[in-house]
Amino acid sequence: MATEVIIITQRIGFNPTKDKFYANWIGSGTVSIELYNTQGQKLLSSELNNKSEAIDVANLQSGVYFLHLELDEKVVLKKLMIE
């Protein structure tokens, strides 16, 4: 089950996921994505250049994670649930 993340300026929406989520955005430049666990450890860091990319999280345990996304100098922080 994949989850879709939609970034339009500062808006993001997604559902719980098990294996991967998709990042889709409107805007120029690169999207920086970082994923943190609840202890604040950075588990993933990626620069996305395409307008739509899949992010694999199948190796992560079930739980709550935090996404830090940056696009066009705007920062968005959101919670990601992995089942």
N, C-alpha and C. Protein backbone atom coordinates (compact mmCIF):
# COMPACT_ATOMS: atom_id res chain seq x y z
N MET A 1 0.86 -1.17 0.00
CA MET A 1 0.00 0.00 0.00
C MET A 1 0.90 1.23 0.00
N ALA A 2 0.80 2.05 -0.99
CA ALA A 2 1.61 3.27 -1.08
C ALA A 2 0.77 4.47 -0.66
N THR A 3 1.45 5.47 -0.21
CA THR A 3 0.80 6.70 0.23
C THR A 3 1.27 7.82 -0.67
N GLU A 4 0.42 8.76 -0.94
CA GLU A 4 0.77 9.88 -1.80
C GLU A 4 0.92 11.15 -0.97
N VAL A 5 2.02 11.82 -1.15
CA VAL A 5 2.26 13.11 -0.50
C VAL A 5 2.17 14.15 -1.60
N ILE A 6 1.31 15.13 -1.43
CA ILE A 6 1.13 16.17 -2.42
C ILE A 6 1.60 17.48 -1.83
N ILE A 7 2.58 18.07 -2.46
CA ILE A 7 3.12 19.34 -1.98
C ILE A 7 2.73 20.41 -2.98
N ILE A 8 1.86 21.31 -2.58
CA ILE A 8 1.49 22.45 -3.41
C ILE A 8 1.72 23.66 -2.53
N THR A 9 2.75 24.38 -2.81
CA THR A 9 3.26 25.43 -1.94
C THR A 9 3.48 24.84 -0.55
N GLN A 10 2.61 25.11 0.42
CA GLN A 10 2.85 24.60 1.77
C GLN A 10 1.87 23.51 2.19
N ARG A 11 1.13 22.92 1.27
CA ARG A 11 0.13 21.92 1.63
C ARG A 11 0.63 20.51 1.40
N ILE A 12 0.40 19.62 2.37
CA ILE A 12 0.77 18.22 2.24
C ILE A 12 -0.38 17.37 2.75
N GLY A 13 -0.64 16.29 2.06
CA GLY A 13 -1.64 15.34 2.53
C GLY A 13 -1.15 13.93 2.30
N PHE A 14 -1.41 13.02 3.23
CA PHE A 14 -1.04 11.62 3.05
C PHE A 14 -1.81 10.75 4.02
N ASN A 15 -1.78 9.46 3.77
CA ASN A 15 -2.43 8.47 4.62
C ASN A 15 -1.35 7.56 5.19
N PRO A 16 -1.67 6.69 6.18
CA PRO A 16 -0.66 5.73 6.65
C PRO A 16 -0.14 4.86 5.51
N THR A 17 1.10 4.42 5.64
CA THR A 17 1.73 3.61 4.61
C THR A 17 2.39 2.39 5.22
N LYS A 18 2.72 1.41 4.37
CA LYS A 18 3.45 0.23 4.81
C LYS A 18 4.82 0.13 4.15
N ASP A 19 4.92 0.53 2.89
CA ASP A 19 6.16 0.30 2.16
C ASP A 19 6.76 1.53 1.51
N LYS A 20 5.94 2.42 0.98
CA LYS A 20 6.47 3.62 0.33
C LYS A 20 5.39 4.69 0.26
N PHE A 21 5.85 5.91 0.06
CA PHE A 21 4.91 6.99 -0.23
C PHE A 21 5.42 7.75 -1.43
N TYR A 22 4.53 8.43 -2.09
CA TYR A 22 4.87 9.19 -3.29
C TYR A 22 4.86 10.67 -3.00
N ALA A 23 5.87 11.36 -3.44
CA ALA A 23 5.93 12.81 -3.31
C ALA A 23 5.65 13.41 -4.68
N ASN A 24 4.66 14.25 -4.75
CA ASN A 24 4.30 14.98 -5.96
C ASN A 24 4.23 16.45 -5.61
N TRP A 25 4.81 17.30 -6.43
CA TRP A 25 4.79 18.71 -6.08
C TRP A 25 4.73 19.61 -7.29
N ILE A 26 4.31 20.81 -7.02
CA ILE A 26 4.28 21.89 -8.00
C ILE A 26 5.22 22.96 -7.49
N GLY A 27 6.14 23.36 -8.29
CA GLY A 27 7.11 24.36 -7.88
C GLY A 27 8.40 24.15 -8.63
N SER A 28 9.27 25.10 -8.55
CA SER A 28 10.54 24.98 -9.24
C SER A 28 11.59 24.44 -8.28
N GLY A 29 12.62 23.87 -8.83
CA GLY A 29 13.74 23.43 -8.02
C GLY A 29 13.57 22.06 -7.42
N THR A 30 14.39 21.79 -6.45
CA THR A 30 14.51 20.49 -5.81
C THR A 30 13.77 20.49 -4.47
N VAL A 31 13.17 19.36 -4.16
CA VAL A 31 12.55 19.18 -2.84
C VAL A 31 13.51 18.38 -1.99
N SER A 32 13.80 18.89 -0.81
CA SER A 32 14.61 18.18 0.17
C SER A 32 13.68 17.49 1.15
N ILE A 33 13.89 16.19 1.35
CA ILE A 33 13.07 15.42 2.29
C ILE A 33 13.99 14.78 3.32
N GLU A 34 13.63 14.95 4.58
CA GLU A 34 14.32 14.27 5.67
C GLU A 34 13.26 13.57 6.51
N LEU A 35 13.58 12.37 6.97
CA LEU A 35 12.66 11.60 7.80
C LEU A 35 13.32 11.32 9.13
N TYR A 36 12.61 11.62 10.22
CA TYR A 36 13.13 11.46 11.58
C TYR A 36 12.24 10.52 12.38
N ASN A 37 12.82 9.79 13.31
CA ASN A 37 12.02 8.99 14.23
C ASN A 37 11.64 9.87 15.42
N THR A 38 10.91 9.30 16.38
CA THR A 38 10.43 10.10 17.51
C THR A 38 11.55 10.50 18.47
N GLN A 39 12.72 9.89 18.34
CA GLN A 39 13.88 10.27 19.15
C GLN A 39 14.71 11.37 18.49
N GLY A 40 14.28 11.81 17.31
CA GLY A 40 14.98 12.87 16.61
C GLY A 40 16.14 12.40 15.75
N GLN A 41 16.28 11.10 15.55
CA GLN A 41 17.35 10.58 14.70
C GLN A 41 16.94 10.67 13.24
N LYS A 42 17.85 11.21 12.41
CA LYS A 42 17.58 11.30 10.98
C LYS A 42 17.77 9.93 10.34
N LEU A 43 16.72 9.41 9.71
CA LEU A 43 16.75 8.09 9.10
C LEU A 43 16.87 8.13 7.60
N LEU A 44 16.50 9.26 7.00
CA LEU A 44 16.50 9.38 5.56
C LEU A 44 16.74 10.83 5.19
N SER A 45 17.53 11.02 4.17
CA SER A 45 17.75 12.37 3.63
C SER A 45 17.86 12.22 2.12
N SER A 46 17.06 12.98 1.39
CA SER A 46 17.03 12.83 -0.06
C SER A 46 16.70 14.15 -0.73
N GLU A 47 17.30 14.35 -1.89
CA GLU A 47 16.99 15.49 -2.75
C GLU A 47 16.21 14.95 -3.94
N LEU A 48 15.01 15.45 -4.14
CA LEU A 48 14.15 14.98 -5.23
C LEU A 48 14.11 16.02 -6.34
N ASN A 49 14.40 15.58 -7.56
CA ASN A 49 14.47 16.49 -8.69
C ASN A 49 13.28 16.38 -9.63
N ASN A 50 12.65 15.22 -9.68
CA ASN A 50 11.49 15.03 -10.55
C ASN A 50 10.26 15.61 -9.87
N LYS A 51 9.19 15.74 -10.60
CA LYS A 51 7.95 16.27 -10.03
C LYS A 51 7.14 15.21 -9.30
N SER A 52 7.56 13.95 -9.39
CA SER A 52 6.89 12.86 -8.70
C SER A 52 7.91 11.76 -8.45
N GLU A 53 8.06 11.36 -7.19
CA GLU A 53 9.01 10.30 -6.85
C GLU A 53 8.47 9.45 -5.72
N ALA A 54 8.85 8.17 -5.73
CA ALA A 54 8.48 7.24 -4.67
C ALA A 54 9.61 7.20 -3.64
N ILE A 55 9.23 7.21 -2.36
CA ILE A 55 10.17 7.13 -1.26
C ILE A 55 9.93 5.80 -0.55
N ASP A 56 10.94 4.93 -0.54
CA ASP A 56 10.83 3.60 0.04
C ASP A 56 11.06 3.66 1.55
N VAL A 57 10.07 3.20 2.32
CA VAL A 57 10.18 3.13 3.77
C VAL A 57 9.88 1.72 4.28
N ALA A 58 9.99 0.73 3.39
CA ALA A 58 9.66 -0.66 3.74
C ALA A 58 10.58 -1.21 4.83
N ASN A 59 11.78 -0.68 4.95
CA ASN A 59 12.73 -1.19 5.94
C ASN A 59 12.51 -0.60 7.34
N LEU A 60 11.57 0.29 7.48
CA LEU A 60 11.31 0.92 8.78
C LEU A 60 10.22 0.17 9.55
N GLN A 61 10.34 0.17 10.87
CA GLN A 61 9.34 -0.47 11.72
C GLN A 61 8.07 0.37 11.77
N SER A 62 6.99 -0.26 12.17
CA SER A 62 5.72 0.45 12.35
C SER A 62 5.90 1.52 13.40
N GLY A 63 5.24 2.65 13.19
CA GLY A 63 5.30 3.72 14.17
C GLY A 63 5.12 5.09 13.56
N VAL A 64 5.41 6.09 14.35
CA VAL A 64 5.26 7.48 13.96
C VAL A 64 6.63 8.04 13.56
N TYR A 65 6.66 8.74 12.46
CA TYR A 65 7.86 9.39 11.95
C TYR A 65 7.51 10.82 11.57
N PHE A 66 8.52 11.64 11.41
CA PHE A 66 8.30 13.03 11.07
C PHE A 66 9.03 13.38 9.78
N LEU A 67 8.30 14.00 8.86
CA LEU A 67 8.85 14.44 7.58
C LEU A 67 9.19 15.92 7.66
N HIS A 68 10.36 16.26 7.20
CA HIS A 68 10.80 17.65 7.07
C HIS A 68 11.01 17.85 5.58
N LEU A 69 10.18 18.69 4.97
CA LEU A 69 10.25 18.93 3.53
C LEU A 69 10.53 20.40 3.27
N GLU A 70 11.38 20.65 2.30
CA GLU A 70 11.71 22.02 1.94
C GLU A 70 11.61 22.17 0.43
N LEU A 71 10.82 23.15 0.00
CA LEU A 71 10.59 23.43 -1.41
C LEU A 71 10.52 24.94 -1.59
N ASP A 72 11.32 25.45 -2.50
CA ASP A 72 11.31 26.89 -2.79
C ASP A 72 11.42 27.73 -1.52
N GLU A 73 12.33 27.35 -0.63
CA GLU A 73 12.60 28.06 0.62
C GLU A 73 11.44 28.01 1.62
N LYS A 74 10.48 27.13 1.40
CA LYS A 74 9.39 26.91 2.35
C LYS A 74 9.62 25.58 3.03
N VAL A 75 9.41 25.54 4.33
CA VAL A 75 9.61 24.32 5.10
C VAL A 75 8.27 23.83 5.63
N VAL A 76 8.05 22.53 5.49
CA VAL A 76 6.83 21.91 5.99
C VAL A 76 7.24 20.72 6.86
N LEU A 77 6.65 20.62 8.03
CA LEU A 77 6.87 19.49 8.93
C LEU A 77 5.56 18.74 9.08
N LYS A 78 5.60 17.42 8.85
CA LYS A 78 4.39 16.62 8.94
C LYS A 78 4.69 15.27 9.58
N LYS A 79 3.66 14.65 10.12
CA LYS A 79 3.77 13.33 10.73
C LYS A 79 3.46 12.27 9.67
N LEU A 80 4.26 11.20 9.66
CA LEU A 80 4.03 10.06 8.76
C LEU A 80 3.84 8.83 9.61
N MET A 81 2.75 8.10 9.37
CA MET A 81 2.46 6.86 10.09
C MET A 81 2.85 5.69 9.20
N ILE A 82 3.63 4.76 9.75
CA ILE A 82 3.99 3.54 9.04
C ILE A 82 3.33 2.39 9.78
N GLU A 83 2.58 1.59 9.02
CA GLU A 83 1.82 0.47 9.61
C GLU A 83 2.66 -0.78 9.63
